[in-house]
Amino acid sequence: MNSEFYADVIEAGGLANALKQMATDLDIPLVLVPGRKEIADSVGIATTAPGRQPLTIFLRTDIRGFQVIGRSGEVDIVRGETDELREIVRAGAAWAAGTPASLMRGTQPFLLFDELAEAHERGPEAAVAARWDQLREQAVGAPDFGEFGRLVEVAYEEPRLRQLFPFTSHWTVAFSSCTGRPYRDEIAIAPQPGRPYIVLQHANVGMIAEVPTVEEAVALALAHLPESVGPAVAGFTGRHR
């Protein structure tokens, strides 16, 4: 830990102790827990809000900066960075209390989130709808790739595909039965400029067939979509292909 950036944290005896001291000074109750294993020297602020994981706090090494990640259902709902430890404590208290991300942003402006992140907290159906909105906007913004736009719109018209969480990989549109990473893509379609559409078992893997029209591609994808696949569920299904 760089003493130039974190003299106060070092004096307190580490990040966890610094958070405890600041919480006491602000008269804000916090419950600290171990951070995420994949983020070295991180500390967590516990929450009892359903679905939420502890708010993860960790330090930048190149400048003074307290970084936070708040996850719910294996999805990053909020991220942010500030050089003020008191702001981290206040954000941690709001996260612990289950304050919606949109309201947290109003009182902790250093936090970042988007409409999709907010939708995830309302449930998988809202997350799926928000992601489809984003994908359709992306298609409108790609007028030089008409095949992609037509694929998005024709797929959206099919109820069984519209209930899944769509994501893209190199313009391939894949349909996931869960809303969190790693996605569980059940079927995928790759548009090609001026060429046939490719139907795949998974994003960029396992070609089923090439067909000349988008309507045929979507019909073929539906034919290969397992009957057991229903509306996308929150987070990660835990299944691996």
Protein backbone atom coordinates (compact mmCIF):
# COMPACT_ATOMS: atom_id res chain seq x y z
CA MET A 1 0.00 0.00 0.00
CA ASN A 2 1.47 3.34 -1.07
CA SER A 3 1.96 5.66 1.91
CA GLU A 4 1.83 8.66 -0.42
CA PHE A 5 -1.78 7.87 -1.29
CA TYR A 6 -3.05 6.04 1.79
CA ALA A 7 -1.32 7.42 4.87
CA ASP A 8 -4.67 7.51 6.72
CA VAL A 9 -5.46 3.91 5.82
CA ILE A 10 -2.02 2.73 6.89
CA GLU A 11 -2.30 4.65 10.16
CA ALA A 12 -5.66 2.98 10.84
CA GLY A 13 -4.12 -0.45 10.34
CA GLY A 14 -5.55 -1.30 6.94
CA LEU A 15 -8.62 -0.77 4.81
CA ALA A 16 -11.03 -2.67 7.07
CA ASN A 17 -9.97 -0.73 10.14
CA ALA A 18 -10.12 2.56 8.25
CA LEU A 19 -13.69 1.78 7.18
CA LYS A 20 -14.65 0.87 10.75
CA GLN A 21 -13.19 4.10 12.12
CA MET A 22 -14.90 6.25 9.50
CA ALA A 23 -18.22 4.49 10.10
CA THR A 24 -17.88 5.17 13.82
CA ASP A 25 -17.04 8.82 13.19
CA LEU A 26 -20.13 9.17 10.99
CA ASP A 27 -22.30 7.12 13.37
CA ILE A 28 -23.15 4.72 10.56
CA PRO A 29 -23.41 1.02 11.45
CA LEU A 30 -21.59 -1.26 9.02
CA VAL A 31 -20.89 -4.97 9.03
CA LEU A 32 -17.61 -5.79 7.29
CA VAL A 33 -16.92 -9.18 5.70
CA PRO A 34 -14.10 -10.59 3.59
CA GLY A 35 -13.90 -9.19 0.07
CA ARG A 36 -13.98 -11.11 -3.20
CA LYS A 37 -11.23 -13.71 -3.56
CA GLU A 38 -10.36 -12.59 -7.07
CA ILE A 39 -9.75 -8.98 -5.92
CA ALA A 40 -6.65 -8.82 -3.75
CA ASP A 41 -6.91 -7.03 -0.39
CA SER A 42 -10.58 -6.18 -0.92
CA VAL A 43 -13.10 -5.70 1.88
CA GLY A 44 -16.86 -6.30 1.76
CA ILE A 45 -19.73 -4.39 3.35
CA ALA A 46 -22.48 -6.87 4.19
CA THR A 47 -26.10 -6.47 3.18
CA THR A 48 -29.31 -8.26 4.07
CA ALA A 49 -31.05 -7.12 0.87
CA PRO A 50 -32.30 -10.17 -1.09
CA GLY A 51 -30.07 -11.08 -4.02
CA ARG A 52 -27.36 -8.54 -3.26
CA GLN A 53 -23.79 -9.55 -2.56
CA PRO A 54 -21.58 -7.54 -0.19
CA LEU A 55 -20.36 -4.24 -1.61
CA THR A 56 -16.72 -4.82 -2.55
CA ILE A 57 -14.16 -2.13 -1.68
CA PHE A 58 -10.58 -2.11 -2.98
CA LEU A 59 -7.76 0.35 -3.59
CA ARG A 60 -6.16 1.71 -6.71
CA THR A 61 -2.39 1.45 -6.76
CA ASP A 62 -1.44 4.27 -9.14
CA ILE A 63 -3.36 7.10 -7.43
CA ARG A 64 -5.55 7.49 -4.37
CA GLY A 65 -8.85 5.89 -5.19
CA PHE A 66 -11.36 3.74 -3.31
CA GLN A 67 -13.18 1.57 -5.84
CA VAL A 68 -16.49 -0.20 -5.29
CA ILE A 69 -18.45 -2.92 -7.04
CA GLY A 70 -21.99 -3.87 -6.04
CA ARG A 71 -23.35 -7.13 -7.46
CA SER A 72 -26.79 -8.67 -7.47
CA GLY A 73 -27.52 -12.02 -9.07
CA GLU A 74 -23.99 -12.22 -10.52
CA VAL A 75 -24.49 -8.88 -12.26
CA ASP A 76 -22.59 -5.68 -11.49
CA ILE A 77 -25.30 -3.22 -10.49
CA VAL A 78 -23.12 -0.30 -9.40
CA ARG A 79 -19.47 0.64 -9.81
CA GLY A 80 -17.58 3.72 -8.81
CA GLU A 81 -14.48 5.38 -7.47
CA THR A 82 -13.79 8.21 -5.05
CA ASP A 83 -10.82 9.47 -3.06
CA GLU A 84 -13.04 10.12 -0.01
CA LEU A 85 -13.42 7.25 2.43
CA ARG A 86 -16.52 8.85 3.97
CA GLU A 87 -18.32 8.54 0.63
CA ILE A 88 -17.54 4.83 0.55
CA VAL A 89 -19.04 4.38 4.01
CA ARG A 90 -22.23 6.21 3.04
CA ALA A 91 -22.51 4.22 -0.17
CA GLY A 92 -21.97 1.01 1.80
CA ALA A 93 -24.76 1.89 4.21
CA ALA A 94 -27.15 2.58 1.33
CA TRP A 95 -26.20 -0.66 -0.40
CA ALA A 96 -26.59 -2.63 2.83
CA ALA A 97 -30.07 -1.18 3.36
CA GLY A 98 -31.20 -2.27 -0.10
CA THR A 99 -31.54 1.26 -1.48
CA PRO A 100 -32.33 1.06 -5.23
CA ALA A 101 -29.41 1.90 -7.49
CA SER A 102 -31.21 4.90 -8.97
CA LEU A 103 -31.68 6.44 -5.51
CA MET A 104 -28.09 5.67 -4.52
CA ARG A 105 -26.90 7.60 -7.55
CA GLY A 106 -28.77 10.66 -6.29
CA THR A 107 -26.89 10.77 -2.99
CA GLN A 108 -23.58 9.17 -4.08
CA PRO A 109 -22.86 10.76 -7.47
CA PHE A 110 -19.53 8.94 -7.84
CA LEU A 111 -21.46 5.70 -8.40
CA LEU A 112 -22.12 4.62 -11.97
CA PHE A 113 -24.87 2.41 -13.32
CA ASP A 114 -27.00 2.18 -16.44
CA GLU A 115 -30.60 1.38 -17.25
CA LEU A 116 -29.81 -2.30 -17.73
CA ALA A 117 -28.16 -2.51 -14.31
CA GLU A 118 -31.17 -0.89 -12.71
CA ALA A 119 -33.48 -3.27 -14.57
CA HIS A 120 -31.58 -6.28 -13.21
CA GLU A 121 -32.62 -5.27 -9.70
CA ARG A 122 -36.27 -5.28 -10.74
CA GLY A 123 -35.99 -8.90 -11.83
CA PRO A 124 -35.08 -11.05 -14.85
CA GLU A 125 -38.12 -10.05 -16.90
CA ALA A 126 -37.20 -6.37 -16.60
CA ALA A 127 -33.55 -7.15 -17.43
CA VAL A 128 -34.56 -9.08 -20.56
CA ALA A 129 -36.84 -6.25 -21.73
CA ALA A 130 -34.14 -3.63 -21.13
CA ARG A 131 -31.53 -5.67 -22.98
CA TRP A 132 -33.83 -6.09 -25.97
CA ASP A 133 -34.35 -2.32 -25.99
CA GLN A 134 -30.58 -1.82 -26.04
CA LEU A 135 -30.13 -4.37 -28.82
CA ARG A 136 -32.80 -2.79 -30.99
CA GLU A 137 -31.20 0.62 -30.49
CA GLN A 138 -27.86 -0.91 -31.49
CA ALA A 139 -29.44 -2.26 -34.66
CA VAL A 140 -30.84 1.16 -35.56
CA GLY A 141 -27.35 2.57 -35.04
CA ALA A 142 -25.87 0.12 -37.58
CA PRO A 143 -27.60 1.10 -40.84
CA ASP A 144 -24.73 -0.26 -42.94
CA PHE A 145 -25.35 -3.76 -41.60
CA GLY A 146 -28.97 -4.34 -42.52
CA GLU A 147 -28.74 -8.08 -41.97
CA PHE A 148 -28.07 -7.49 -38.28
CA GLY A 149 -31.02 -5.13 -37.92
CA ARG A 150 -33.39 -7.51 -39.68
CA LEU A 151 -32.23 -10.38 -37.48
CA VAL A 152 -32.85 -8.42 -34.30
CA GLU A 153 -36.36 -7.40 -35.36
CA VAL A 154 -37.45 -10.82 -36.66
CA ALA A 155 -36.08 -12.55 -33.55
CA TYR A 156 -37.85 -10.01 -31.33
CA GLU A 157 -41.18 -10.94 -32.91
CA GLU A 158 -40.82 -14.54 -31.72
CA PRO A 159 -42.11 -14.93 -28.13
CA ARG A 160 -39.78 -17.83 -27.27
CA LEU A 161 -36.71 -15.80 -28.26
CA ARG A 162 -38.03 -12.54 -26.82
CA GLN A 163 -38.24 -14.14 -23.35
CA LEU A 164 -34.49 -14.92 -23.43
CA PHE A 165 -31.63 -12.53 -22.63
CA PRO A 166 -29.97 -11.53 -25.92
CA PHE A 167 -26.30 -10.66 -26.19
CA THR A 168 -23.89 -10.15 -29.06
CA SER A 169 -20.44 -11.46 -29.92
CA HIS A 170 -18.88 -10.16 -33.13
CA TRP A 171 -22.41 -9.33 -34.37
CA THR A 172 -23.65 -12.84 -33.64
CA VAL A 173 -26.88 -12.64 -31.63
CA ALA A 174 -27.09 -15.28 -28.92
CA PHE A 175 -30.03 -16.03 -26.65
CA SER A 176 -29.35 -16.84 -23.00
CA SER A 177 -31.58 -18.58 -20.49
CA CYS A 178 -30.00 -16.55 -17.66
CA THR A 179 -29.37 -12.83 -17.28
CA GLY A 180 -25.95 -12.96 -15.58
CA ARG A 181 -22.45 -13.79 -16.75
CA PRO A 182 -21.33 -16.29 -17.78
CA TYR A 183 -24.38 -16.42 -20.03
CA ARG A 184 -26.04 -19.72 -20.87
CA ASP A 185 -26.62 -19.24 -24.60
CA GLU A 186 -29.13 -21.78 -25.85
CA ILE A 187 -28.98 -20.88 -29.55
CA ALA A 188 -27.33 -18.21 -31.70
CA ILE A 189 -27.60 -16.67 -35.15
CA ALA A 190 -24.79 -14.96 -37.07
CA PRO A 191 -25.71 -12.48 -39.80
CA GLN A 192 -23.25 -12.01 -42.65
CA PRO A 193 -23.25 -8.99 -45.00
CA GLY A 194 -24.67 -10.13 -48.33
CA ARG A 195 -24.32 -13.81 -47.41
CA PRO A 196 -26.43 -16.56 -45.75
CA TYR A 197 -27.29 -16.45 -42.07
CA ILE A 198 -25.54 -19.01 -39.88
CA VAL A 199 -27.43 -20.77 -37.09
CA LEU A 200 -25.20 -21.94 -34.24
CA GLN A 201 -25.59 -24.05 -31.14
CA HIS A 202 -23.81 -21.34 -29.12
CA ALA A 203 -22.24 -17.96 -29.82
CA ASN A 204 -19.61 -18.51 -32.54
CA VAL A 205 -19.51 -22.26 -31.84
CA GLY A 206 -21.18 -25.35 -33.31
CA MET A 207 -22.67 -24.46 -36.70
CA ILE A 208 -26.06 -26.06 -37.35
CA ALA A 209 -26.67 -24.76 -40.87
CA GLU A 210 -26.54 -21.82 -43.25
CA VAL A 211 -29.82 -20.48 -44.63
CA PRO A 212 -30.47 -17.69 -47.13
CA THR A 213 -33.06 -15.60 -45.26
CA VAL A 214 -33.46 -14.24 -41.76
CA GLU A 215 -36.91 -15.80 -41.45
CA GLU A 216 -35.46 -19.24 -42.15
CA ALA A 217 -32.64 -18.61 -39.68
CA VAL A 218 -35.03 -17.71 -36.89
CA ALA A 219 -37.30 -20.66 -37.68
CA LEU A 220 -34.32 -23.03 -37.61
CA ALA A 221 -33.10 -21.54 -34.33
CA LEU A 222 -36.53 -22.08 -32.80
CA ALA A 223 -36.56 -25.66 -34.04
CA HIS A 224 -33.27 -26.32 -32.23
CA LEU A 225 -34.16 -24.43 -29.06
CA PRO A 226 -34.67 -27.03 -26.30
CA GLU A 227 -38.30 -27.37 -25.25
CA SER A 228 -37.22 -27.12 -21.61
CA VAL A 229 -35.95 -23.56 -22.08
CA GLY A 230 -38.36 -21.05 -20.60
CA PRO A 231 -38.07 -17.39 -19.65
CA ALA A 232 -34.56 -16.29 -18.66
CA VAL A 233 -33.83 -16.53 -14.96
CA ALA A 234 -31.84 -14.12 -12.83
CA GLY A 235 -28.10 -14.51 -12.50
CA PHE A 236 -26.29 -17.59 -13.73
CA THR A 237 -27.98 -20.97 -14.17
CA GLY A 238 -24.94 -22.88 -12.99
CA ARG A 239 -25.06 -25.16 -16.04
CA HIS A 240 -22.13 -25.42 -18.41
CA ARG A 241 -22.14 -26.48 -22.00
